[in-house]
């Protein structure tokens, strides 16, 4: 992985290690595209790293994935069904009322 940054004022494309923060005019590239990168006519390409090795997930990535899986595996909270009032009204929203039907 690599980060491509354009420096328009110098007509330069800088290709370096994967950036940790997003910057304007920066784009993350896979290793294949980083190696094949060409610049427009009149532009210079500066490669800060001669080889771009594929990077595996970081410990932070793995922790985030584990948290997402844990959250998805939790049983859903039971839905709260309000008790009807004396008129059979369950809830009201503006001028609309939800009434408990016959047999429910």
PDB file of N, CA and C in Angstrom:
ATOM      1  N   UNK A   1       0.839  -1.170   0.000  1.00  0.00           N
ATOM      2  CA  UNK A   1       0.000   0.000   0.000  1.00  0.00           C
ATOM      3  C   UNK A   1       0.890   1.242   0.000  1.00  0.00           C
ATOM      4  N   UNK A   2       0.375   2.286  -0.595  1.00  0.00           N
ATOM      5  CA  UNK A   2       1.121   3.535  -0.682  1.00  0.00           C
ATOM      6  C   UNK A   2       0.129   4.692  -0.731  1.00  0.00           C
ATOM      7  N   UNK A   3       0.613   5.877  -0.433  1.00  0.00           N
ATOM      8  CA  UNK A   3      -0.205   7.083  -0.539  1.00  0.00           C
ATOM      9  C   UNK A   3       0.388   7.976  -1.613  1.00  0.00           C
ATOM     10  N   UNK A   4      -0.482   8.385  -2.535  1.00  0.00           N
ATOM     11  CA  UNK A   4      -0.107   9.288  -3.615  1.00  0.00           C
ATOM     12  C   UNK A   4      -0.592  10.680  -3.243  1.00  0.00           C
ATOM     13  N   UNK A   5       0.318  11.647  -3.287  1.00  0.00           N
ATOM     14  CA  UNK A   5      -0.026  13.032  -2.980  1.00  0.00           C
ATOM     15  C   UNK A   5       0.393  13.904  -4.150  1.00  0.00           C
ATOM     16  N   UNK A   6      -0.532  14.736  -4.612  1.00  0.00           N
ATOM     17  CA  UNK A   6      -0.227  15.661  -5.692  1.00  0.00           C
ATOM     18  C   UNK A   6       0.208  16.998  -5.121  1.00  0.00           C
ATOM     19  N   UNK A   7       1.309  17.537  -5.656  1.00  0.00           N
ATOM     20  CA  UNK A   7       1.757  18.889  -5.315  1.00  0.00           C
ATOM     21  C   UNK A   7       1.605  19.692  -6.602  1.00  0.00           C
ATOM     22  N   UNK A   8       0.435  20.308  -6.745  1.00  0.00           N
ATOM     23  CA  UNK A   8       0.107  20.981  -8.003  1.00  0.00           C
ATOM     24  C   UNK A   8       1.055  22.126  -8.316  1.00  0.00           C
ATOM     25  N   UNK A   9       1.491  22.854  -7.285  1.00  0.00           N
ATOM     26  CA  UNK A   9       2.350  24.007  -7.534  1.00  0.00           C
ATOM     27  C   UNK A   9       3.697  23.596  -8.133  1.00  0.00           C
ATOM     28  N   UNK A  10       4.161  22.362  -7.866  1.00  0.00           N
ATOM     29  CA  UNK A  10       5.441  21.883  -8.389  1.00  0.00           C
ATOM     30  C   UNK A  10       5.271  20.876  -9.519  1.00  0.00           C
ATOM     31  N   UNK A  11       4.009  20.601  -9.927  1.00  0.00           N
ATOM     32  CA  UNK A  11       3.734  19.574 -10.939  1.00  0.00           C
ATOM     33  C   UNK A  11       4.424  18.260 -10.568  1.00  0.00           C
ATOM     34  N   UNK A  12       4.204  17.835  -9.325  1.00  0.00           N
ATOM     35  CA  UNK A  12       4.869  16.647  -8.798  1.00  0.00           C
ATOM     36  C   UNK A  12       3.845  15.722  -8.159  1.00  0.00           C
ATOM     37  N   UNK A  13       4.038  14.428  -8.388  1.00  0.00           N
ATOM     38  CA  UNK A  13       3.254  13.398  -7.711  1.00  0.00           C
ATOM     39  C   UNK A  13       4.213  12.667  -6.779  1.00  0.00           C
ATOM     40  N   UNK A  14       3.920  12.674  -5.492  1.00  0.00           N
ATOM     41  CA  UNK A  14       4.793  12.047  -4.497  1.00  0.00           C
ATOM     42  C   UNK A  14       4.132  10.750  -4.058  1.00  0.00           C
ATOM     43  N   UNK A  15       4.880   9.661  -4.182  1.00  0.00           N
ATOM     44  CA  UNK A  15       4.395   8.341  -3.800  1.00  0.00           C
ATOM     45  C   UNK A  15       5.210   7.867  -2.612  1.00  0.00           C
ATOM     46  N   UNK A  16       4.537   7.670  -1.480  1.00  0.00           N
ATOM     47  CA  UNK A  16       5.252   7.290  -0.261  1.00  0.00           C
ATOM     48  C   UNK A  16       4.505   6.245   0.526  1.00  0.00           C
ATOM     49  N   UNK A  17       4.986   5.957   1.726  1.00  0.00           N
ATOM     50  CA  UNK A  17       4.322   4.966   2.577  1.00  0.00           C
ATOM     51  C   UNK A  17       2.884   5.378   2.879  1.00  0.00           C
ATOM     52  N   UNK A  18       2.077   4.412   3.233  1.00  0.00           N
ATOM     53  CA  UNK A  18       0.673   4.657   3.536  1.00  0.00           C
ATOM     54  C   UNK A  18       0.544   5.680   4.655  1.00  0.00           C
ATOM     55  N   UNK A  19      -0.224   6.743   4.395  1.00  0.00           N
ATOM     56  CA  UNK A  19      -0.406   7.814   5.378  1.00  0.00           C
ATOM     57  C   UNK A  19      -1.392   7.378   6.458  1.00  0.00           C
ATOM     58  N   UNK A  20      -1.209   7.904   7.661  1.00  0.00           N
ATOM     59  CA  UNK A  20      -2.097   7.589   8.775  1.00  0.00           C
ATOM     60  C   UNK A  20      -3.284   8.540   8.837  1.00  0.00           C
ATOM     61  N   UNK A  21      -3.150   9.726   8.234  1.00  0.00           N
ATOM     62  CA  UNK A  21      -4.214  10.722   8.243  1.00  0.00           C
ATOM     63  C   UNK A  21      -4.594  11.094   6.823  1.00  0.00           C
ATOM     64  N   UNK A  22      -5.853  11.402   6.615  1.00  0.00           N
ATOM     65  CA  UNK A  22      -6.313  11.835   5.299  1.00  0.00           C
ATOM     66  C   UNK A  22      -5.878  13.281   5.055  1.00  0.00           C
ATOM     67  N   UNK A  23      -5.380  13.534   3.870  1.00  0.00           N
ATOM     68  CA  UNK A  23      -4.949  14.873   3.495  1.00  0.00           C
ATOM     69  C   UNK A  23      -5.612  15.234   2.159  1.00  0.00           C
ATOM     70  N   UNK A  24      -5.833  16.519   1.923  1.00  0.00           N
ATOM     71  CA  UNK A  24      -6.367  16.909   0.617  1.00  0.00           C
ATOM     72  C   UNK A  24      -5.382  16.527  -0.488  1.00  0.00           C
ATOM     73  N   UNK A  25      -5.902  16.117  -1.614  1.00  0.00           N
ATOM     74  CA  UNK A  25      -5.096  15.749  -2.786  1.00  0.00           C
ATOM     75  C   UNK A  25      -4.248  14.511  -2.530  1.00  0.00           C
ATOM     76  N   UNK A  26      -4.662  13.638  -1.594  1.00  0.00           N
ATOM     77  CA  UNK A  26      -3.938  12.394  -1.308  1.00  0.00           C
ATOM     78  C   UNK A  26      -4.861  11.211  -1.571  1.00  0.00           C
ATOM     79  N   UNK A  27      -4.283  10.148  -2.096  1.00  0.00           N
ATOM     80  CA  UNK A  27      -5.055   8.967  -2.447  1.00  0.00           C
ATOM     81  C   UNK A  27      -4.258   7.723  -2.065  1.00  0.00           C
ATOM     82  N   UNK A  28      -4.922   6.757  -1.439  1.00  0.00           N
ATOM     83  CA  UNK A  28      -4.266   5.508  -1.082  1.00  0.00           C
ATOM     84  C   UNK A  28      -4.341   4.548  -2.267  1.00  0.00           C
ATOM     85  N   UNK A  29      -3.231   3.897  -2.548  1.00  0.00           N
ATOM     86  CA  UNK A  29      -3.138   2.970  -3.673  1.00  0.00           C
ATOM     87  C   UNK A  29      -2.693   1.595  -3.187  1.00  0.00           C
ATOM     88  N   UNK A  30      -3.152   0.552  -3.866  1.00  0.00           N
ATOM     89  CA  UNK A  30      -2.643  -0.791  -3.579  1.00  0.00           C
ATOM     90  C   UNK A  30      -1.236  -0.890  -4.178  1.00  0.00           C
ATOM     91  N   UNK A  31      -0.522  -1.955  -3.821  1.00  0.00           N
ATOM     92  CA  UNK A  31       0.864  -2.122  -4.274  1.00  0.00           C
ATOM     93  C   UNK A  31       0.955  -2.175  -5.804  1.00  0.00           C
ATOM     94  N   UNK A  32       0.019  -2.886  -6.430  1.00  0.00           N
ATOM     95  CA  UNK A  32       0.052  -3.026  -7.892  1.00  0.00           C
ATOM     96  C   UNK A  32      -0.067  -1.675  -8.584  1.00  0.00           C
ATOM     97  N   UNK A  33      -1.007  -0.848  -8.145  1.00  0.00           N
ATOM     98  CA  UNK A  33      -1.179   0.460  -8.776  1.00  0.00           C
ATOM     99  C   UNK A  33      -0.055   1.423  -8.410  1.00  0.00           C
ATOM    100  N   UNK A  34       0.505   1.302  -7.221  1.00  0.00           N
ATOM    101  CA  UNK A  34       1.630   2.156  -6.829  1.00  0.00           C
ATOM    102  C   UNK A  34       2.843   1.883  -7.720  1.00  0.00           C
ATOM    103  N   UNK A  35       3.080   0.624  -8.048  1.00  0.00           N
ATOM    104  CA  UNK A  35       4.227   0.275  -8.893  1.00  0.00           C
ATOM    105  C   UNK A  35       4.031   0.723 -10.336  1.00  0.00           C
ATOM    106  N   UNK A  36       2.788   0.734 -10.816  1.00  0.00           N
ATOM    107  CA  UNK A  36       2.515   1.068 -12.217  1.00  0.00           C
ATOM    108  C   UNK A  36       2.207   2.549 -12.438  1.00  0.00           C
ATOM    109  N   UNK A  37       2.277   3.361 -11.393  1.00  0.00           N
ATOM    110  CA  UNK A  37       1.886   4.766 -11.482  1.00  0.00           C
ATOM    111  C   UNK A  37       2.727   5.537 -12.495  1.00  0.00           C
ATOM    112  N   UNK A  38       2.066   6.304 -13.326  1.00  0.00           N
ATOM    113  CA  UNK A  38       2.733   7.264 -14.212  1.00  0.00           C
ATOM    114  C   UNK A  38       2.085   8.621 -13.987  1.00  0.00           C
ATOM    115  N   UNK A  39       2.815   9.671 -14.293  1.00  0.00           N
ATOM    116  CA  UNK A  39       2.304  11.030 -14.097  1.00  0.00           C
ATOM    117  C   UNK A  39       2.000  11.659 -15.450  1.00  0.00           C
ATOM    118  N   UNK A  40       1.175  12.688 -15.458  1.00  0.00           N
ATOM    119  CA  UNK A  40       0.903  13.388 -16.712  1.00  0.00           C
ATOM    120  C   UNK A  40       2.174  13.995 -17.302  1.00  0.00           C
ATOM    121  N   UNK A  41       2.166  14.233 -18.605  1.00  0.00           N
ATOM    122  CA  UNK A  41       3.315  14.833 -19.294  1.00  0.00           C
ATOM    123  C   UNK A  41       3.671  16.155 -18.621  1.00  0.00           C
ATOM    124  N   UNK A  42       4.946  16.335 -18.331  1.00  0.00           N
ATOM    125  CA  UNK A  42       5.420  17.550 -17.690  1.00  0.00           C
ATOM    126  C   UNK A  42       5.465  17.457 -16.169  1.00  0.00           C
ATOM    127  N   UNK A  43       4.953  16.375 -15.627  1.00  0.00           N
ATOM    128  CA  UNK A  43       4.963  16.164 -14.173  1.00  0.00           C
ATOM    129  C   UNK A  43       6.089  15.217 -13.810  1.00  0.00           C
ATOM    130  N   UNK A  44       6.539  15.320 -12.577  1.00  0.00           N
ATOM    131  CA  UNK A  44       7.585  14.443 -12.062  1.00  0.00           C
ATOM    132  C   UNK A  44       6.973  13.532 -10.991  1.00  0.00           C
ATOM    133  N   UNK A  45       7.413  12.274 -10.948  1.00  0.00           N
ATOM    134  CA  UNK A  45       6.990  11.341  -9.902  1.00  0.00           C
ATOM    135  C   UNK A  45       8.159  11.146  -8.945  1.00  0.00           C
ATOM    136  N   UNK A  46       7.931  11.419  -7.675  1.00  0.00           N
ATOM    137  CA  UNK A  46       8.944  11.205  -6.651  1.00  0.00           C
ATOM    138  C   UNK A  46       8.501   9.993  -5.842  1.00  0.00           C
ATOM    139  N   UNK A  47       9.317   8.938  -5.855  1.00  0.00           N
ATOM    140  CA  UNK A  47       9.009   7.716  -5.099  1.00  0.00           C
ATOM    141  C   UNK A  47       9.877   7.702  -3.845  1.00  0.00           C
ATOM    142  N   UNK A  48       9.237   7.837  -2.697  1.00  0.00           N
ATOM    143  CA  UNK A  48       9.972   7.866  -1.431  1.00  0.00           C
ATOM    144  C   UNK A  48      10.387   6.462  -0.988  1.00  0.00           C
ATOM    145  N   UNK A  49       9.692   5.454  -1.479  1.00  0.00           N
ATOM    146  CA  UNK A  49      10.008   4.065  -1.165  1.00  0.00           C
ATOM    147  C   UNK A  49      10.089   3.316  -2.484  1.00  0.00           C
ATOM    148  N   UNK A  50      11.208   2.635  -2.774  1.00  0.00           N
ATOM    149  CA  UNK A  50      11.326   1.956  -4.063  1.00  0.00           C
ATOM    150  C   UNK A  50      10.365   0.784  -4.227  1.00  0.00           C
ATOM    151  N   UNK A  51      10.039   0.054  -3.141  1.00  0.00           N
ATOM    152  CA  UNK A  51       9.122  -1.075  -3.214  1.00  0.00           C
ATOM    153  C   UNK A  51       7.972  -0.859  -2.236  1.00  0.00           C
ATOM    154  N   UNK A  52       6.789  -1.231  -2.663  1.00  0.00           N
ATOM    155  CA  UNK A  52       5.619  -1.112  -1.811  1.00  0.00           C
ATOM    156  C   UNK A  52       5.130  -2.512  -1.483  1.00  0.00           C
ATOM    157  N   UNK A  53       5.310  -2.889  -0.237  1.00  0.00           N
ATOM    158  CA  UNK A  53       4.962  -4.229   0.220  1.00  0.00           C
ATOM    159  C   UNK A  53       3.544  -4.203   0.756  1.00  0.00           C
ATOM    160  N   UNK A  54       2.716  -5.199   0.391  1.00  0.00           N
ATOM    161  CA  UNK A  54       1.361  -5.237   0.954  1.00  0.00           C
ATOM    162  C   UNK A  54       1.411  -5.299   2.484  1.00  0.00           C
ATOM    163  N   UNK A  55       0.572  -4.509   3.120  1.00  0.00           N
ATOM    164  CA  UNK A  55       0.545  -4.422   4.569  1.00  0.00           C
ATOM    165  C   UNK A  55      -0.689  -5.159   5.081  1.00  0.00           C
ATOM    166  N   UNK A  56      -0.501  -5.983   6.109  1.00  0.00           N
ATOM    167  CA  UNK A  56      -1.621  -6.690   6.717  1.00  0.00           C
ATOM    168  C   UNK A  56      -2.370  -5.786   7.671  1.00  0.00           C
ATOM    169  N   UNK A  57      -3.426  -6.316   8.288  1.00  0.00           N
ATOM    170  CA  UNK A  57      -4.185  -5.485   9.218  1.00  0.00           C
ATOM    171  C   UNK A  57      -3.369  -5.146  10.464  1.00  0.00           C
ATOM    172  N   UNK A  58      -3.575  -3.959  10.976  1.00  0.00           N
ATOM    173  CA  UNK A  58      -2.881  -3.519  12.193  1.00  0.00           C
ATOM    174  C   UNK A  58      -3.614  -4.066  13.415  1.00  0.00           C
ATOM    175  N   UNK A  59      -2.984  -4.034  14.585  1.00  0.00           N
ATOM    176  CA  UNK A  59      -3.690  -4.457  15.805  1.00  0.00           C
ATOM    177  C   UNK A  59      -4.982  -3.661  16.029  1.00  0.00           C
ATOM    178  N   UNK A  60      -4.977  -2.364  15.696  1.00  0.00           N
ATOM    179  CA  UNK A  60      -6.198  -1.558  15.833  1.00  0.00           C
ATOM    180  C   UNK A  60      -7.300  -2.063  14.910  1.00  0.00           C
ATOM    181  N   UNK A  61      -6.933  -2.456  13.685  1.00  0.00           N
ATOM    182  CA  UNK A  61      -7.916  -3.000  12.749  1.00  0.00           C
ATOM    183  C   UNK A  61      -8.538  -4.272  13.306  1.00  0.00           C
ATOM    184  N   UNK A  62      -7.716  -5.142  13.878  1.00  0.00           N
ATOM    185  CA  UNK A  62      -8.214  -6.404  14.417  1.00  0.00           C
ATOM    186  C   UNK A  62      -9.118  -6.188  15.625  1.00  0.00           C
ATOM    187  N   UNK A  63      -8.775  -5.229  16.484  1.00  0.00           N
ATOM    188  CA  UNK A  63      -9.616  -4.924  17.642  1.00  0.00           C
ATOM    189  C   UNK A  63     -10.955  -4.367  17.177  1.00  0.00           C
ATOM    190  N   UNK A  64     -10.938  -3.471  16.199  1.00  0.00           N
ATOM    191  CA  UNK A  64     -12.188  -2.899  15.675  1.00  0.00           C
ATOM    192  C   UNK A  64     -13.066  -3.981  15.070  1.00  0.00           C
ATOM    193  N   UNK A  65     -12.465  -4.920  14.353  1.00  0.00           N
ATOM    194  CA  UNK A  65     -13.223  -6.017  13.760  1.00  0.00           C
ATOM    195  C   UNK A  65     -13.828  -6.895  14.848  1.00  0.00           C
ATOM    196  N   UNK A  66     -13.055  -7.213  15.883  1.00  0.00           N
ATOM    197  CA  UNK A  66     -13.564  -8.037  16.981  1.00  0.00           C
ATOM    198  C   UNK A  66     -14.727  -7.348  17.690  1.00  0.00           C
ATOM    199  N   UNK A  67     -14.632  -6.040  17.902  1.00  0.00           N
ATOM    200  CA  UNK A  67     -15.722  -5.293  18.540  1.00  0.00           C
ATOM    201  C   UNK A  67     -16.987  -5.317  17.678  1.00  0.00           C
ATOM    202  N   UNK A  68     -16.825  -5.175  16.364  1.00  0.00           N
ATOM    203  CA  UNK A  68     -17.977  -5.195  15.457  1.00  0.00           C
ATOM    204  C   UNK A  68     -18.650  -6.568  15.477  1.00  0.00           C
ATOM    205  N   UNK A  69     -17.862  -7.628  15.485  1.00  0.00           N
ATOM    206  CA  UNK A  69     -18.421  -8.985  15.524  1.00  0.00           C
ATOM    207  C   UNK A  69     -19.133  -9.208  16.858  1.00  0.00           C
ATOM    208  N   UNK A  70     -18.526  -8.771  17.954  1.00  0.00           N
ATOM    209  CA  UNK A  70     -19.136  -8.924  19.277  1.00  0.00           C
ATOM    210  C   UNK A  70     -20.472  -8.179  19.335  1.00  0.00           C
ATOM    211  N   UNK A  71     -20.514  -6.969  18.806  1.00  0.00           N
ATOM    212  CA  UNK A  71     -21.743  -6.170  18.812  1.00  0.00           C
ATOM    213  C   UNK A  71     -22.825  -6.840  17.959  1.00  0.00           C
ATOM    214  N   UNK A  72     -22.445  -7.369  16.796  1.00  0.00           N
ATOM    215  CA  UNK A  72     -23.414  -8.020  15.916  1.00  0.00           C
ATOM    216  C   UNK A  72     -23.953  -9.308  16.526  1.00  0.00           C
ATOM    217  N   UNK A  73     -23.180  -9.954  17.405  1.00  0.00           N
ATOM    218  CA  UNK A  73     -23.595 -11.206  18.012  1.00  0.00           C
ATOM    219  C   UNK A  73     -24.475 -11.047  19.235  1.00  0.00           C
ATOM    220  N   UNK A  74     -24.624  -9.835  19.720  1.00  0.00           N
ATOM    221  CA  UNK A  74     -25.463  -9.617  20.900  1.00  0.00           C
ATOM    222  C   UNK A  74     -26.932  -9.802  20.533  1.00  0.00           C
ATOM    223  N   UNK A  75     -27.710 -10.442  21.427  1.00  0.00           N
ATOM    224  CA  UNK A  75     -29.135 -10.593  21.120  1.00  0.00           C
ATOM    225  C   UNK A  75     -29.817  -9.226  21.153  1.00  0.00           C
ATOM    226  N   UNK A  76     -30.833  -9.047  20.319  1.00  0.00           N
ATOM    227  CA  UNK A  76     -31.516  -7.749  20.304  1.00  0.00           C
ATOM    228  C   UNK A  76     -32.285  -7.522  21.598  1.00  0.00           C
ATOM    229  N   UNK A  77     -32.402  -6.271  21.975  1.00  0.00           N
ATOM    230  CA  UNK A  77     -33.157  -5.910  23.165  1.00  0.00           C
ATOM    231  C   UNK A  77     -34.634  -6.183  22.896  1.00  0.00           C
ATOM    232  N   UNK A  78     -35.353  -6.728  23.859  1.00  0.00           N
ATOM    233  CA  UNK A  78     -36.778  -6.989  23.625  1.00  0.00           C
ATOM    234  C   UNK A  78     -37.533  -5.674  23.442  1.00  0.00           C
ATOM    235  N   UNK A  79     -38.459  -5.696  22.500  1.00  0.00           N
ATOM    236  CA  UNK A  79     -39.240  -4.497  22.219  1.00  0.00           C
ATOM    237  C   UNK A  79     -40.226  -4.261  23.358  1.00  0.00           C
ATOM    238  N   UNK A  80     -40.343  -3.020  23.768  1.00  0.00           N
ATOM    239  CA  UNK A  80     -41.268  -2.668  24.833  1.00  0.00           C
ATOM    240  C   UNK A  80     -42.635  -2.390  24.220  1.00  0.00           C
ATOM    241  N   UNK A  81     -43.642  -3.150  24.659  1.00  0.00           N
ATOM    242  CA  UNK A  81     -45.011  -2.928  24.192  1.00  0.00           C
ATOM    243  C   UNK A  81     -45.761  -2.222  25.310  1.00  0.00           C
ATOM    244  N   UNK A  82     -46.183  -0.986  25.057  1.00  0.00           N
ATOM    245  CA  UNK A  82     -46.867  -0.253  26.119  1.00  0.00           C
ATOM    246  C   UNK A  82     -48.235  -0.869  26.421  1.00  0.00           C
ATOM    247  N   UNK A  83     -48.638  -0.731  27.657  1.00  0.00           N
ATOM    248  CA  UNK A  83     -49.963  -1.195  28.075  1.00  0.00           C
ATOM    249  C   UNK A  83     -51.013  -0.206  27.579  1.00  0.00           C
ATOM    250  N   UNK A  84     -52.137  -0.698  27.101  1.00  0.00           N
ATOM    251  CA  UNK A  84     -53.177   0.220  26.623  1.00  0.00           C
ATOM    252  C   UNK A  84     -53.834   0.967  27.783  1.00  0.00           C
ATOM    253  N   UNK A  85     -54.316   2.150  27.468  1.00  0.00           N
ATOM    254  CA  UNK A  85     -55.040   2.943  28.469  1.00  0.00           C
ATOM    255  C   UNK A  85     -56.465   2.402  28.560  1.00  0.00           C
ATOM    256  N   UNK A  86     -57.297   3.025  29.378  1.00  0.00           N
ATOM    257  CA  UNK A  86     -58.693   2.591  29.550  1.00  0.00           C
ATOM    258  C   UNK A  86     -59.452   2.672  28.228  1.00  0.00           C
ATOM    259  N   UNK A  87     -59.032   3.566  27.323  1.00  0.00           N
ATOM    260  CA  UNK A  87     -59.723   3.702  26.038  1.00  0.00           C
ATOM    261  C   UNK A  87     -59.171   2.755  24.982  1.00  0.00           C
ATOM    262  N   UNK A  88     -58.150   1.972  25.338  1.00  0.00           N
ATOM    263  CA  UNK A  88     -57.538   1.059  24.375  1.00  0.00           C
ATOM    264  C   UNK A  88     -56.410   1.709  23.594  1.00  0.00           C
ATOM    265  N   UNK A  89     -56.122   2.975  23.901  1.00  0.00           N
ATOM    266  CA  UNK A  89     -55.063   3.697  23.201  1.00  0.00           C
ATOM    267  C   UNK A  89     -53.697   3.235  23.701  1.00  0.00           C
ATOM    268  N   UNK A  90     -52.826   2.843  22.781  1.00  0.00           N
ATOM    269  CA  UNK A  90     -51.474   2.397  23.140  1.00  0.00           C
ATOM    270  C   UNK A  90     -50.504   3.570  23.109  1.00  0.00           C
ATOM    271  N   UNK A  91     -50.558   4.341  22.054  1.00  0.00           N
ATOM    272  CA  UNK A  91     -49.658   5.498  21.946  1.00  0.00           C
ATOM    273  C   UNK A  91     -50.318   6.554  21.078  1.00  0.00           C
ATOM    274  N   UNK A  92     -49.762   7.728  21.125  1.00  0.00           N
ATOM    275  CA  UNK A  92     -50.325   8.847  20.369  1.00  0.00           C
ATOM    276  C   UNK A  92     -49.172   9.634  19.760  1.00  0.00           C
ATOM    277  N   UNK A  93     -49.329  10.036  18.511  1.00  0.00           N
ATOM    278  CA  UNK A  93     -48.335  10.880  17.851  1.00  0.00           C
ATOM    279  C   UNK A  93     -49.096  11.953  17.089  1.00  0.00           C
ATOM    280  N   UNK A  94     -49.034  13.157  17.632  1.00  0.00           N
ATOM    281  CA  UNK A  94     -49.782  14.246  17.019  1.00  0.00           C
ATOM    282  C   UNK A  94     -51.269  13.951  17.091  1.00  0.00           C
ATOM    283  N   UNK A  95     -51.956  14.001  15.958  1.00  0.00           N
ATOM    284  CA  UNK A  95     -53.395  13.739  15.937  1.00  0.00           C
ATOM    285  C   UNK A  95     -53.713  12.266  15.681  1.00  0.00           C
ATOM    286  N   UNK A  96     -52.680  11.406  15.536  1.00  0.00           N
ATOM    287  CA  UNK A  96     -52.890   9.985  15.283  1.00  0.00           C
ATOM    288  C   UNK A  96     -52.814   9.200  16.586  1.00  0.00           C
ATOM    289  N   UNK A  97     -53.643   8.156  16.692  1.00  0.00           N
ATOM    290  CA  UNK A  97     -53.626   7.290  17.861  1.00  0.00           C
ATOM    291  C   UNK A  97     -53.471   5.852  17.395  1.00  0.00           C
ATOM    292  N   UNK A  98     -52.739   5.072  18.163  1.00  0.00           N
ATOM    293  CA  UNK A  98     -52.612   3.629  17.917  1.00  0.00           C
ATOM    294  C   UNK A  98     -53.495   2.956  18.949  1.00  0.00           C
ATOM    295  N   UNK A  99     -54.489   2.185  18.460  1.00  0.00           N
ATOM    296  CA  UNK A  99     -55.438   1.507  19.335  1.00  0.00           C
ATOM    297  C   UNK A  99     -55.186   0.017  19.274  1.00  0.00           C
ATOM    298  N   UNK A 100     -55.350  -0.639  20.396  1.00  0.00           N
ATOM    299  CA  UNK A 100     -55.249  -2.088  20.427  1.00  0.00           C
ATOM    300  C   UNK A 100     -56.498  -2.635  19.735  1.00  0.00           C
ATOM    301  N   UNK A 101     -56.278  -3.544  18.784  1.00  0.00           N
ATOM    302  CA  UNK A 101     -57.390  -4.128  18.037  1.00  0.00           C
ATOM    303  C   UNK A 101     -58.090  -5.201  18.819  1.00  0.00           C
ATOM    304  N   UNK A 102     -59.208  -5.666  18.303  1.00  0.00           N
ATOM    305  CA  UNK A 102     -59.975  -6.719  18.958  1.00  0.00           C
ATOM    306  C   UNK A 102     -59.166  -8.015  18.885  1.00  0.00           C
ATOM    307  N   UNK A 103     -59.154  -8.781  19.948  1.00  0.00           N
ATOM    308  CA  UNK A 103     -58.456 -10.051  19.999  1.00  0.00           C
ATOM    309  C   UNK A 103     -56.964  -9.921  20.241  1.00  0.00           C
ATOM    310  N   UNK A 104     -56.449  -8.723  20.495  1.00  0.00           N
ATOM    311  CA  UNK A 104     -55.025  -8.570  20.771  1.00  0.00           C
ATOM    312  C   UNK A 104     -54.826  -8.049  22.159  1.00  0.00           C
TER     313      UNK A 104
END
